[in-house]
Amino acid sequence: MLYESRKEGDVDVFQWCMLAPKRLRQHILADSCHLPVYDFGAPGFWESHSSGRRRVKYERYGYGEGFEPLVIHQNHYGVRPDMLPQLSEEFRLYHNLWVNEAGTEFIKVNDDGSDEVAAAIGPKGVQVRTKLLRQFQAGKQMDLVLRISSFHHFDDPDEELPLGEIVVATERDDMTLSVHVADTVGRHRPCSVLDGRKILRAPPREKAGMPPFDTRTPETYHDFIIGEDDDGEPIRHTCDPEQLANYFGKNPDAPHYLTSVHFRREVLQRYYEQPEKYSIGDGHLDCGGLWGLRLDNDHPDHVTVFLGDLGRDLPESERTYWQTFNVVPTGGLSQTHFRRAFLGQWAGPDSPELRFKSAYNRFNRTWRERFGWALFKEPEPDDVHVLQRLRIPLNDSQPEFEDQVMGSAKVMVDALNEVAIQEQLPTRVKGEKGIGKLERWMDQEEYPSAERDIAFLRRLQRLRSKLTAHRKGSDYAQVLRDENVNPDRIQEVATMLQDAERLLYSLAAHAGIDLDSYY
């Protein structure tokens, strides 16, 4: 707790911290030392007098002798609403902390993409993680001074009370604690005052937590299944790149760096569900700009990654997660991945998911460039993730199927740019929706596949509406039968994405656009 202000009945407690140069240790613990109060930290001038000479010095924190605040509390005297306490900007920048919109949480983003609350800010308190505070101290090589003042007010008894110190509880080389009686309101209501000061010395510079002092524990490399023996038992081997063979004679008796490791497709679930952090593309998984992993996600049955890449590119904390989806290899790589990795050839994906996403993005870009208007609107900020999360279902579950139907409808139906399409039409039809406008425009442009593609969009719209409107019972099953939904729901979504891709290619070709030339 860097700062706390609380009131409990007749007791007022203030606790705050500050940084101080090492040279002030004895001075800080002396009775005569007046430490900065909890609301110090604004710039100002420090005035001193020596040998009859007056000296005025500008101080960044408005308090001389080298004290630095960790928390700054501004006072606007009731004219304006109180602001939240402010954490030291230097501390925030030192740890590269992200601040939420309300200014109540400071987030530390770790190297593996995970994050944690580094500091919590409230009107009456500021908390930070001890490790981050100690690293900051180590970097600056300054003492942390902890100060507590507790005021216990009580009614004035009949007899006179002695003012001043009545007990010194503790006095050490790094801490003092004293109690005395004060008369703060004209002796009408005296109080006992507990005053405590403690110095926490900085750790050595080597614990600063940033280069060149960011020492880390040795990395742990996990074992993964790379095959099975004659008895059908799985064969495992470490993913440590330094213990794998390569094409230059390294570790000749070990498995090769490019040994294929297989995983169930559900391994990608957590990454699809956090599109604000992760992106899954054709042959790669990325966590912002922190790390990226090459993989084969063009295979219909599994995801494969080279053994050495698991050790080199996947963070240690992620490998434990991937282990739970590791399976005995069955079959080989997809043709796409094999051609890219071993033959050095350009190869487009075969997966309907990857093909559709690529076509959708290229179609929108080239259509806008060619005609000056977009057939599909740019997504709103809250819907940017929809296309990213669109996929062949990772399993045959009902939620997976429904999510992909919803996503397909959003990007193909809800995203239709009704305003722009209407502008291309000579007449307006009252109450006409996006698909109706698109159909009239297709007829106007003599698009030959209008009937086929409009039927696809209307079925997709109906299916989305009926799935969300019906309870999951016998009527739900009837909806699936009425719409002739493939019992294999994974294949149904694959077909849906293929039909959507066909629409994009067909419409682009009719407009004179060769989508394949825009890869």
Protein backbone atom coordinates (compact mmCIF):
# COMPACT_ATOMS: atom_id res chain seq x y z
CA MET A 1 0.00 0.00 0.00
CA LEU A 2 1.70 3.19 -1.20
CA TYR A 3 -1.02 5.50 -0.02
CA GLU A 4 -4.05 5.09 2.24
CA SER A 5 -6.45 7.50 3.88
CA ARG A 6 -9.22 6.09 6.02
CA LYS A 7 -11.47 7.10 8.88
CA GLU A 8 -12.92 4.64 11.39
CA GLY A 9 -15.04 6.35 14.02
CA ASP A 10 -12.79 8.66 16.02
CA VAL A 11 -9.62 7.36 14.32
CA ASP A 12 -8.03 8.95 11.23
CA VAL A 13 -5.22 7.01 9.55
CA PHE A 14 -2.87 8.28 6.86
CA GLN A 15 -0.20 6.12 5.28
CA TRP A 16 2.08 7.16 2.42
CA CYS A 17 5.47 6.48 0.90
CA MET A 18 8.19 8.42 -0.81
CA LEU A 19 11.66 7.87 -2.21
CA ALA A 20 14.70 9.43 -0.59
CA PRO A 21 18.45 9.50 -1.23
CA LYS A 22 20.52 7.15 0.92
CA ARG A 23 22.35 10.10 2.52
CA LEU A 24 19.18 11.14 4.36
CA ARG A 25 18.68 7.95 6.39
CA GLN A 26 19.72 9.33 9.76
CA HIS A 27 18.06 12.66 9.12
CA ILE A 28 14.71 10.99 8.25
CA LEU A 29 14.60 9.12 11.56
CA ALA A 30 15.47 12.20 13.65
CA ASP A 31 12.73 13.93 15.64
CA SER A 32 13.59 17.26 14.05
CA CYS A 33 13.03 16.02 10.49
CA HIS A 34 9.83 17.20 8.87
CA LEU A 35 9.01 14.73 6.08
CA PRO A 36 6.92 15.77 3.09
CA VAL A 37 3.21 15.27 3.69
CA TYR A 38 1.13 12.93 1.56
CA ASP A 39 -0.01 15.64 -0.89
CA PHE A 40 3.46 16.80 -1.89
CA GLY A 41 4.77 16.33 -5.41
CA ALA A 42 3.86 19.47 -7.37
CA PRO A 43 6.68 21.62 -8.77
CA GLY A 44 7.72 24.61 -6.73
CA PHE A 45 10.61 26.57 -5.28
CA TRP A 46 12.83 25.65 -2.35
CA GLU A 47 14.16 28.57 -0.36
CA SER A 48 17.23 28.45 1.89
CA HIS A 49 19.34 30.96 3.78
CA SER A 50 23.05 30.60 4.49
CA SER A 51 25.58 33.19 5.70
CA GLY A 52 23.06 35.93 5.21
CA ARG A 53 22.41 34.93 1.63
CA ARG A 54 19.01 33.85 0.33
CA ARG A 55 18.96 31.07 -2.24
CA VAL A 56 15.88 30.05 -4.26
CA LYS A 57 15.98 26.84 -6.28
CA TYR A 58 13.34 25.38 -8.54
CA GLU A 59 12.37 21.85 -7.48
CA ARG A 60 10.52 19.44 -9.72
CA TYR A 61 8.64 18.04 -6.73
CA GLY A 62 8.49 21.22 -4.69
CA TYR A 63 10.33 19.77 -1.70
CA GLY A 64 14.05 20.04 -1.22
CA GLU A 65 16.68 17.53 -0.16
CA GLY A 66 15.96 15.01 -2.93
CA PHE A 67 12.65 13.47 -1.84
CA GLU A 68 10.55 12.05 -4.70
CA PRO A 69 6.85 11.12 -4.52
CA LEU A 70 5.44 7.77 -5.58
CA VAL A 71 1.87 9.03 -5.29
CA ILE A 72 0.77 12.58 -6.01
CA HIS A 73 -2.42 13.86 -4.41
CA GLN A 74 -3.75 17.16 -5.78
CA ASN A 75 -5.95 19.45 -3.71
CA HIS A 76 -8.48 21.76 -5.38
CA TYR A 77 -10.03 22.93 -2.09
CA GLY A 78 -13.57 21.81 -2.85
CA VAL A 79 -13.91 24.11 -5.88
CA ARG A 80 -13.54 21.15 -8.20
CA PRO A 81 -14.30 17.47 -7.55
CA ASP A 82 -11.46 15.49 -6.03
CA MET A 83 -9.21 13.72 -8.50
CA LEU A 84 -7.88 10.22 -8.01
CA PRO A 85 -4.38 10.00 -6.55
CA GLN A 86 -1.82 9.85 -9.34
CA LEU A 87 0.92 7.26 -9.54
CA SER A 88 4.44 8.45 -10.32
CA GLU A 89 4.79 8.85 -14.09
CA GLU A 90 8.38 7.65 -13.88
CA PHE A 91 7.19 4.42 -12.21
CA ARG A 92 4.59 3.93 -14.94
CA LEU A 93 7.10 4.47 -17.73
CA TYR A 94 9.77 2.38 -15.99
CA HIS A 95 7.50 -0.68 -16.19
CA ASN A 96 5.71 0.35 -19.42
CA LEU A 97 2.32 0.11 -17.74
CA TRP A 98 -0.97 0.42 -19.62
CA VAL A 99 -3.63 2.52 -17.88
CA ASN A 100 -7.34 1.82 -18.21
CA GLU A 101 -9.70 4.60 -19.26
CA ALA A 102 -10.85 5.30 -15.72
CA GLY A 103 -7.27 5.58 -14.46
CA THR A 104 -7.97 3.02 -11.73
CA GLU A 105 -5.78 0.16 -12.97
CA PHE A 106 -2.23 0.03 -14.29
CA ILE A 107 -1.57 -3.14 -16.29
CA LYS A 108 1.78 -4.85 -16.80
CA VAL A 109 2.03 -6.75 -20.09
CA ASN A 110 4.39 -9.70 -19.78
CA ASP A 111 6.65 -11.10 -22.48
CA ASP A 112 4.30 -14.02 -23.18
CA GLY A 113 1.31 -11.73 -23.76
CA SER A 114 -0.31 -12.33 -20.38
CA ASP A 115 -1.00 -9.32 -18.21
CA GLU A 116 -1.52 -8.51 -14.56
CA VAL A 117 -2.73 -5.59 -12.50
CA ALA A 118 0.43 -3.78 -11.43
CA ALA A 119 -1.29 -1.00 -9.52
CA ALA A 120 -4.81 -0.25 -8.32
CA ILE A 121 -5.88 3.35 -7.72
CA GLY A 122 -8.82 4.42 -5.57
CA PRO A 123 -9.84 7.72 -3.97
CA LYS A 124 -8.59 6.55 -0.58
CA GLY A 125 -5.76 4.19 -1.49
CA VAL A 126 -3.04 3.21 -3.96
CA GLN A 127 -1.64 -0.30 -4.13
CA VAL A 128 1.22 -1.61 -6.26
CA ARG A 129 2.84 -5.00 -6.62
CA THR A 130 5.79 -5.34 -4.28
CA LYS A 131 8.08 -6.83 -6.93
CA LEU A 132 7.58 -3.91 -9.31
CA LEU A 133 8.14 -1.38 -6.54
CA ARG A 134 11.34 -3.09 -5.44
CA GLN A 135 12.61 -3.24 -9.03
CA PHE A 136 11.97 0.48 -9.36
CA GLN A 137 13.93 1.07 -6.16
CA ALA A 138 16.76 -1.10 -7.43
CA GLY A 139 16.93 0.86 -10.65
CA LYS A 140 16.97 4.25 -8.94
CA GLN A 141 19.00 3.09 -5.93
CA MET A 142 16.88 5.13 -3.54
CA ASP A 143 15.41 4.30 -0.15
CA LEU A 144 11.70 3.78 0.28
CA VAL A 145 10.38 5.77 3.23
CA LEU A 146 7.12 4.51 4.74
CA ARG A 147 5.23 6.98 6.90
CA ILE A 148 2.11 6.40 8.99
CA SER A 149 0.19 8.93 11.08
CA SER A 150 -2.80 7.85 13.14
CA PHE A 151 -4.98 10.32 15.05
CA HIS A 152 -7.33 9.03 17.76
CA HIS A 153 -9.64 11.82 18.89
CA PHE A 154 -11.28 11.68 22.32
CA ASP A 155 -13.30 13.91 24.60
CA ASP A 156 -11.29 16.14 26.94
CA PRO A 157 -11.52 14.71 30.50
CA ASP A 158 -11.88 16.98 33.50
CA GLU A 159 -8.25 16.99 34.46
CA GLU A 160 -5.51 18.65 32.48
CA LEU A 161 -3.66 16.40 30.05
CA PRO A 162 0.11 16.63 29.60
CA LEU A 163 0.90 17.56 26.03
CA GLY A 164 3.78 16.18 24.08
CA GLU A 165 5.41 12.79 23.85
CA ILE A 166 4.28 10.15 26.35
CA VAL A 167 5.97 7.03 24.98
CA VAL A 168 8.58 6.01 22.43
CA ALA A 169 7.53 2.54 21.36
CA THR A 170 10.37 1.58 19.03
CA GLU A 171 13.60 3.14 17.89
CA ARG A 172 15.94 1.27 15.53
CA ASP A 173 18.43 2.15 12.85
CA ASP A 174 15.73 1.79 10.18
CA MET A 175 12.51 2.67 12.05
CA THR A 176 11.01 4.95 14.71
CA LEU A 177 7.57 4.75 16.29
CA SER A 178 6.30 7.30 18.80
CA VAL A 179 3.03 8.29 20.44
CA HIS A 180 2.16 11.68 21.91
CA VAL A 181 -0.86 13.76 22.88
CA ALA A 182 -1.76 16.77 20.78
CA ASP A 183 -4.26 19.57 21.10
CA THR A 184 -5.34 20.31 17.57
CA VAL A 185 -8.62 22.14 18.15
CA GLY A 186 -7.95 24.64 20.94
CA ARG A 187 -7.90 21.83 23.56
CA HIS A 188 -11.60 21.26 23.01
CA ARG A 189 -10.96 17.76 21.64
CA PRO A 190 -7.42 16.45 22.05
CA CYS A 191 -6.10 13.34 20.31
CA SER A 192 -3.35 10.81 20.60
CA VAL A 193 -0.99 10.77 17.64
CA LEU A 194 0.95 7.72 16.50
CA ASP A 195 3.81 8.59 14.18
CA GLY A 196 5.83 5.87 12.46
CA ARG A 197 8.67 6.01 9.99
CA LYS A 198 10.45 3.11 8.34
CA ILE A 199 13.21 2.98 5.75
CA LEU A 200 13.29 0.13 3.26
CA ARG A 201 16.65 0.05 1.56
CA ALA A 202 16.92 -0.51 -2.19
CA PRO A 203 17.80 -3.99 -3.48
CA PRO A 204 21.05 -4.25 -5.48
CA ARG A 205 21.01 -2.75 -8.97
CA GLU A 206 21.07 -6.28 -10.43
CA LYS A 207 17.40 -6.65 -9.42
CA ALA A 208 16.25 -3.66 -11.46
CA GLY A 209 14.19 -5.88 -13.77
CA MET A 210 15.29 -4.30 -17.05
CA PRO A 211 18.33 -4.62 -19.35
CA PRO A 212 21.10 -5.16 -18.64
CA PHE A 213 19.91 -6.41 -15.25
CA ASP A 214 16.84 -8.43 -16.30
CA THR A 215 18.23 -11.75 -15.15
CA ARG A 216 15.79 -14.61 -15.61
CA THR A 217 15.59 -18.14 -14.38
CA PRO A 218 16.75 -20.79 -16.87
CA GLU A 219 13.98 -21.67 -19.31
CA THR A 220 12.17 -24.99 -18.96
CA TYR A 221 11.62 -26.88 -22.21
CA HIS A 222 8.68 -29.28 -22.36
CA ASP A 223 8.53 -32.73 -23.89
CA PHE A 224 6.12 -33.36 -26.76
CA ILE A 225 4.87 -36.53 -28.44
CA ILE A 226 6.67 -37.05 -31.74
CA GLY A 227 5.70 -40.66 -32.50
CA GLU A 228 5.03 -44.05 -30.95
CA ASP A 229 7.12 -47.16 -30.39
CA ASP A 230 6.48 -50.75 -31.48
CA ASP A 231 4.16 -51.28 -28.53
CA GLY A 232 2.09 -48.21 -29.34
CA GLU A 233 3.49 -46.16 -26.50
CA PRO A 234 4.08 -42.47 -27.23
CA ILE A 235 7.63 -41.28 -27.83
CA ARG A 236 8.38 -37.88 -26.32
CA HIS A 237 11.29 -35.52 -26.77
CA THR A 238 12.27 -32.08 -25.52
CA CYS A 239 11.57 -29.08 -27.73
CA ASP A 240 14.85 -27.41 -26.67
CA PRO A 241 16.36 -26.27 -30.01
CA GLU A 242 19.86 -26.81 -28.64
CA GLN A 243 19.15 -30.53 -28.22
CA LEU A 244 17.74 -31.15 -31.70
CA ALA A 245 19.40 -32.18 -34.93
CA ASN A 246 19.70 -29.93 -37.95
CA TYR A 247 21.01 -30.18 -41.51
CA PHE A 248 24.54 -29.23 -40.44
CA GLY A 249 25.42 -32.19 -38.24
CA LYS A 250 24.21 -30.91 -34.87
CA ASN A 251 23.01 -33.61 -32.42
CA PRO A 252 22.95 -36.37 -35.07
CA ASP A 253 21.23 -38.91 -32.80
CA ALA A 254 18.40 -36.55 -31.78
CA PRO A 255 15.12 -35.86 -33.57
CA HIS A 256 15.34 -33.15 -36.21
CA TYR A 257 14.35 -29.54 -35.51
CA LEU A 258 11.69 -29.91 -38.22
CA THR A 259 10.03 -32.94 -36.64
CA SER A 260 6.28 -32.48 -36.96
CA VAL A 261 4.30 -32.33 -33.70
CA HIS A 262 0.51 -32.79 -33.89
CA PHE A 263 -2.24 -31.15 -31.86
CA ARG A 264 -6.02 -31.30 -31.75
CA ARG A 265 -7.56 -28.31 -33.52
CA GLU A 266 -9.13 -27.17 -30.25
CA VAL A 267 -5.68 -25.89 -29.24
CA LEU A 268 -6.54 -22.70 -31.15
CA GLN A 269 -9.73 -22.06 -29.16
CA ARG A 270 -8.21 -19.69 -26.59
CA TYR A 271 -6.59 -17.62 -29.32
CA TYR A 272 -9.75 -17.28 -31.40
CA GLU A 273 -11.60 -16.17 -28.27
CA GLN A 274 -9.17 -13.31 -27.58
CA PRO A 275 -8.91 -11.50 -30.93
CA GLU A 276 -7.93 -8.28 -29.16
CA LYS A 277 -4.66 -9.99 -28.21
CA TYR A 278 -4.07 -12.83 -30.66
CA SER A 279 -4.41 -13.16 -34.42
CA ILE A 280 -4.57 -16.42 -36.34
CA GLY A 281 -3.66 -16.17 -39.99
CA ASP A 282 -2.68 -18.46 -42.81
CA GLY A 283 0.17 -20.48 -41.30
CA HIS A 284 0.86 -18.33 -38.24
CA LEU A 285 -0.30 -17.40 -34.75
CA ASP A 286 0.73 -14.02 -33.34
CA CYS A 287 0.43 -12.36 -29.95
CA GLY A 288 0.63 -8.68 -30.86
CA GLY A 289 4.28 -7.81 -31.41
CA LEU A 290 5.49 -10.04 -28.57
CA TRP A 291 5.74 -13.47 -30.17
CA GLY A 292 4.68 -15.44 -33.21
CA LEU A 293 4.51 -19.14 -34.06
CA ARG A 294 4.60 -20.76 -37.50
CA LEU A 295 2.09 -23.56 -37.77
CA ASP A 296 0.14 -25.68 -40.21
CA ASN A 297 -3.52 -24.77 -39.77
CA ASP A 298 -4.52 -25.78 -43.30
CA HIS A 299 -5.06 -29.42 -42.36
CA PRO A 300 -8.72 -30.39 -41.72
CA ASP A 301 -7.97 -32.74 -38.80
CA HIS A 302 -5.15 -31.28 -36.74
CA VAL A 303 -2.67 -28.45 -36.23
CA THR A 304 1.03 -29.17 -36.61
CA VAL A 305 4.09 -27.27 -35.43
CA PHE A 306 7.76 -28.08 -35.89
CA LEU A 307 9.34 -29.38 -32.67
CA GLY A 308 12.11 -26.79 -32.69
CA ASP A 309 9.68 -23.91 -33.24
CA LEU A 310 7.80 -24.95 -30.10
CA GLY A 311 10.98 -24.37 -28.13
CA ARG A 312 12.25 -21.31 -29.99
CA ASP A 313 9.08 -19.31 -30.65
CA LEU A 314 6.41 -20.41 -28.18
CA PRO A 315 6.71 -18.83 -24.69
CA GLU A 316 7.37 -21.25 -21.87
CA SER A 317 4.03 -20.47 -20.22
CA GLU A 318 2.16 -21.38 -23.42
CA ARG A 319 3.83 -24.76 -23.87
CA THR A 320 2.04 -26.25 -20.88
CA TYR A 321 -1.27 -25.35 -22.54
CA TRP A 322 -0.23 -26.86 -25.87
CA GLN A 323 0.88 -30.07 -24.19
CA THR A 324 -2.71 -30.83 -23.19
CA PHE A 325 -3.71 -30.99 -26.88
CA ASN A 326 -0.67 -32.96 -28.07
CA VAL A 327 -1.54 -36.22 -29.86
CA VAL A 328 0.33 -39.04 -31.58
CA PRO A 329 1.08 -37.99 -35.17
CA THR A 330 -1.42 -39.32 -37.70
CA GLY A 331 -0.78 -38.51 -41.33
CA GLY A 332 1.56 -35.82 -42.52
CA LEU A 333 1.54 -32.12 -43.17
CA SER A 334 -0.97 -30.40 -45.38
CA GLN A 335 0.18 -30.02 -48.97
CA THR A 336 0.20 -26.27 -48.49
CA HIS A 337 2.57 -26.40 -45.52
CA PHE A 338 4.81 -29.02 -47.13
CA ARG A 339 5.22 -26.97 -50.28
CA ARG A 340 5.98 -23.81 -48.34
CA ALA A 341 8.31 -25.30 -45.71
CA PHE A 342 10.26 -27.88 -47.72
CA LEU A 343 9.91 -26.98 -51.39
CA GLY A 344 10.08 -23.21 -50.99
CA GLN A 345 7.05 -22.78 -53.23
CA TRP A 346 4.25 -20.25 -53.05
CA ALA A 347 1.04 -22.04 -52.13
CA GLY A 348 -2.39 -20.71 -51.28
CA PRO A 349 -4.38 -22.41 -48.50
CA ASP A 350 -7.01 -25.11 -49.08
CA SER A 351 -8.97 -24.51 -45.87
CA PRO A 352 -12.35 -22.85 -46.59
CA GLU A 353 -11.81 -20.67 -43.54
CA LEU A 354 -8.44 -19.30 -44.67
CA ARG A 355 -9.54 -18.95 -48.29
CA PHE A 356 -12.70 -17.04 -47.42
CA LYS A 357 -11.00 -14.60 -45.03
CA SER A 358 -8.33 -13.84 -47.59
CA ALA A 359 -10.87 -13.40 -50.39
CA TYR A 360 -13.12 -11.21 -48.22
CA ASN A 361 -10.32 -8.79 -47.37
CA ARG A 362 -9.03 -8.65 -50.95
CA PHE A 363 -12.55 -8.18 -52.34
CA ASN A 364 -13.30 -5.24 -50.04
CA ARG A 365 -10.00 -3.54 -50.77
CA THR A 366 -10.08 -3.94 -54.54
CA TRP A 367 -13.79 -3.13 -54.89
CA ARG A 368 -13.34 0.16 -53.04
CA GLU A 369 -10.26 1.02 -55.09
CA ARG A 370 -12.02 0.23 -58.37
CA PHE A 371 -15.45 1.80 -57.80
CA GLY A 372 -14.98 4.26 -54.95
CA TRP A 373 -17.58 2.65 -52.68
CA ALA A 374 -17.64 -0.44 -50.49
CA LEU A 375 -20.07 -3.31 -51.01
CA PHE A 376 -19.41 -4.48 -47.44
CA LYS A 377 -19.08 -1.84 -44.72
CA GLU A 378 -16.03 -1.58 -42.52
CA PRO A 379 -16.88 -3.18 -39.16
CA GLU A 380 -17.65 -1.08 -36.12
CA PRO A 381 -14.93 -1.22 -33.43
CA ASP A 382 -16.96 -3.72 -31.40
CA ASP A 383 -17.33 -6.02 -34.43
CA VAL A 384 -13.75 -6.05 -35.72
CA HIS A 385 -13.28 -9.44 -34.06
CA VAL A 386 -16.13 -11.12 -35.98
CA LEU A 387 -14.12 -11.91 -39.13
CA GLN A 388 -11.07 -12.89 -37.06
CA ARG A 389 -13.12 -15.42 -35.03
CA LEU A 390 -14.82 -16.90 -38.10
CA ARG A 391 -13.57 -20.45 -38.62
CA ILE A 392 -14.31 -24.05 -39.41
CA PRO A 393 -15.78 -25.28 -36.10
CA LEU A 394 -13.07 -26.72 -33.87
CA ASN A 395 -15.49 -29.47 -32.85
CA ASP A 396 -19.00 -30.65 -33.69
CA SER A 397 -20.66 -28.91 -30.73
CA GLN A 398 -23.81 -26.86 -31.05
CA PRO A 399 -22.27 -23.61 -29.67
CA GLU A 400 -19.39 -23.81 -32.14
CA PHE A 401 -21.82 -24.28 -35.03
CA GLU A 402 -24.11 -21.45 -33.96
CA ASP A 403 -21.23 -19.03 -33.39
CA GLN A 404 -19.99 -19.57 -36.93
CA VAL A 405 -23.47 -19.17 -38.44
CA MET A 406 -23.82 -15.88 -36.54
CA GLY A 407 -20.40 -14.71 -37.68
CA SER A 408 -21.01 -15.64 -41.30
CA ALA A 409 -24.30 -13.74 -41.31
CA LYS A 410 -22.69 -10.67 -39.79
CA VAL A 411 -19.94 -10.36 -42.38
CA MET A 412 -22.05 -11.36 -45.41
CA VAL A 413 -25.51 -9.94 -44.61
CA ASP A 414 -25.35 -7.37 -41.82
CA ALA A 415 -22.25 -5.80 -43.37
CA LEU A 416 -23.96 -5.09 -46.72
CA ASN A 417 -23.55 -1.39 -47.42
CA GLU A 418 -27.23 -0.57 -47.91
CA VAL A 419 -26.68 3.17 -48.30
CA ALA A 420 -24.07 2.77 -51.04
CA ILE A 421 -26.07 0.08 -52.85
CA GLN A 422 -29.20 2.28 -52.79
CA GLU A 423 -27.21 5.09 -54.37
CA GLN A 424 -26.58 2.82 -57.37
CA LEU A 425 -30.30 2.19 -57.85
CA PRO A 426 -32.69 4.54 -59.71
CA THR A 427 -35.66 3.88 -57.39
CA ARG A 428 -36.33 3.35 -53.71
CA VAL A 429 -38.57 0.61 -52.29
CA LYS A 430 -40.14 1.34 -48.92
CA GLY A 431 -39.05 -1.09 -46.20
CA GLU A 432 -36.55 -2.85 -48.46
CA LYS A 433 -33.61 -4.44 -46.63
CA GLY A 434 -30.02 -5.08 -47.65
CA ILE A 435 -30.44 -8.39 -49.48
CA GLY A 436 -33.41 -7.01 -51.45
CA LYS A 437 -31.38 -3.97 -52.52
CA LEU A 438 -28.46 -6.19 -53.48
CA GLU A 439 -30.74 -8.40 -55.57
CA ARG A 440 -32.15 -5.43 -57.48
CA TRP A 441 -28.65 -4.08 -58.04
CA MET A 442 -27.44 -7.48 -59.30
CA ASP A 443 -30.36 -7.63 -61.74
CA GLN A 444 -29.59 -4.10 -62.86
CA GLU A 445 -25.97 -5.08 -63.51
CA GLU A 446 -27.09 -8.28 -65.30
CA TYR A 447 -25.09 -10.41 -62.88
CA PRO A 448 -25.66 -13.99 -64.08
CA SER A 449 -25.40 -15.75 -60.69
CA ALA A 450 -27.80 -13.47 -58.81
CA GLU A 451 -30.41 -16.15 -58.14
CA ARG A 452 -27.85 -18.58 -56.72
CA ASP A 453 -26.07 -16.03 -54.52
CA ILE A 454 -29.20 -14.30 -53.23
CA ALA A 455 -30.64 -17.71 -52.29
CA PHE A 456 -27.45 -18.41 -50.32
CA LEU A 457 -27.66 -15.08 -48.45
CA ARG A 458 -31.37 -15.49 -47.67
CA ARG A 459 -30.80 -19.02 -46.32
CA LEU A 460 -27.92 -17.76 -44.18
CA GLN A 461 -30.13 -14.96 -42.84
CA ARG A 462 -33.00 -17.35 -42.11
CA LEU A 463 -30.74 -19.85 -40.41
CA ARG A 464 -29.21 -17.16 -38.19
CA SER A 465 -32.64 -15.80 -37.24
CA LYS A 466 -34.18 -19.20 -36.51
CA LEU A 467 -31.24 -20.46 -34.46
CA THR A 468 -31.40 -17.46 -32.16
CA ALA A 469 -35.21 -17.35 -31.96
CA HIS A 470 -35.94 -20.98 -31.11
CA ARG A 471 -35.44 -22.84 -27.89
CA LYS A 472 -33.15 -25.86 -28.08
CA GLY A 473 -35.70 -28.66 -28.34
CA SER A 474 -37.66 -30.53 -30.96
CA ASP A 475 -38.46 -27.31 -32.85
CA TYR A 476 -34.73 -26.54 -33.06
CA ALA A 477 -34.11 -29.89 -34.74
CA GLN A 478 -37.00 -29.16 -37.09
CA VAL A 479 -35.40 -25.85 -38.09
CA LEU A 480 -32.23 -27.67 -39.06
CA ARG A 481 -34.23 -30.17 -41.12
CA ASP A 482 -36.28 -27.44 -42.80
CA GLU A 483 -33.11 -25.63 -43.85
CA ASN A 484 -31.49 -28.88 -44.97
CA VAL A 485 -28.55 -28.42 -42.63
CA ASN A 486 -25.87 -31.06 -42.98
CA PRO A 487 -25.87 -33.33 -39.88
CA ASP A 488 -22.10 -32.94 -39.94
CA ARG A 489 -22.09 -29.37 -38.66
CA ILE A 490 -18.37 -28.92 -39.30
CA GLN A 491 -18.93 -29.72 -42.97
CA GLU A 492 -22.00 -27.45 -43.04
CA VAL A 493 -19.92 -24.44 -42.00
CA ALA A 494 -17.17 -25.42 -44.43
CA THR A 495 -19.73 -25.47 -47.26
CA MET A 496 -21.16 -22.15 -46.08
CA LEU A 497 -17.74 -20.49 -46.26
CA GLN A 498 -17.08 -22.04 -49.68
CA ASP A 499 -20.38 -20.62 -50.95
CA ALA A 500 -19.48 -17.21 -49.54
CA GLU A 501 -16.06 -17.33 -51.22
CA ARG A 502 -17.69 -18.35 -54.52
CA LEU A 503 -20.00 -15.32 -54.30
CA LEU A 504 -17.03 -12.98 -53.83
CA TYR A 505 -15.02 -14.46 -56.69
CA SER A 506 -18.01 -14.54 -59.02
CA LEU A 507 -19.08 -10.98 -58.34
CA ALA A 508 -15.50 -9.72 -58.64
CA ALA A 509 -15.05 -11.50 -61.97
CA HIS A 510 -18.28 -9.99 -63.30
CA ALA A 511 -16.92 -6.57 -62.35
CA GLY A 512 -13.63 -7.26 -64.13
CA ILE A 513 -11.57 -7.90 -60.99
CA ASP A 514 -9.18 -10.85 -60.75
CA LEU A 515 -8.96 -11.46 -57.01
CA ASP A 516 -6.06 -13.90 -57.34
CA SER A 517 -3.87 -11.17 -58.79
CA TYR A 518 -4.21 -9.17 -55.56
CA TYR A 519 -2.57 -11.67 -53.19
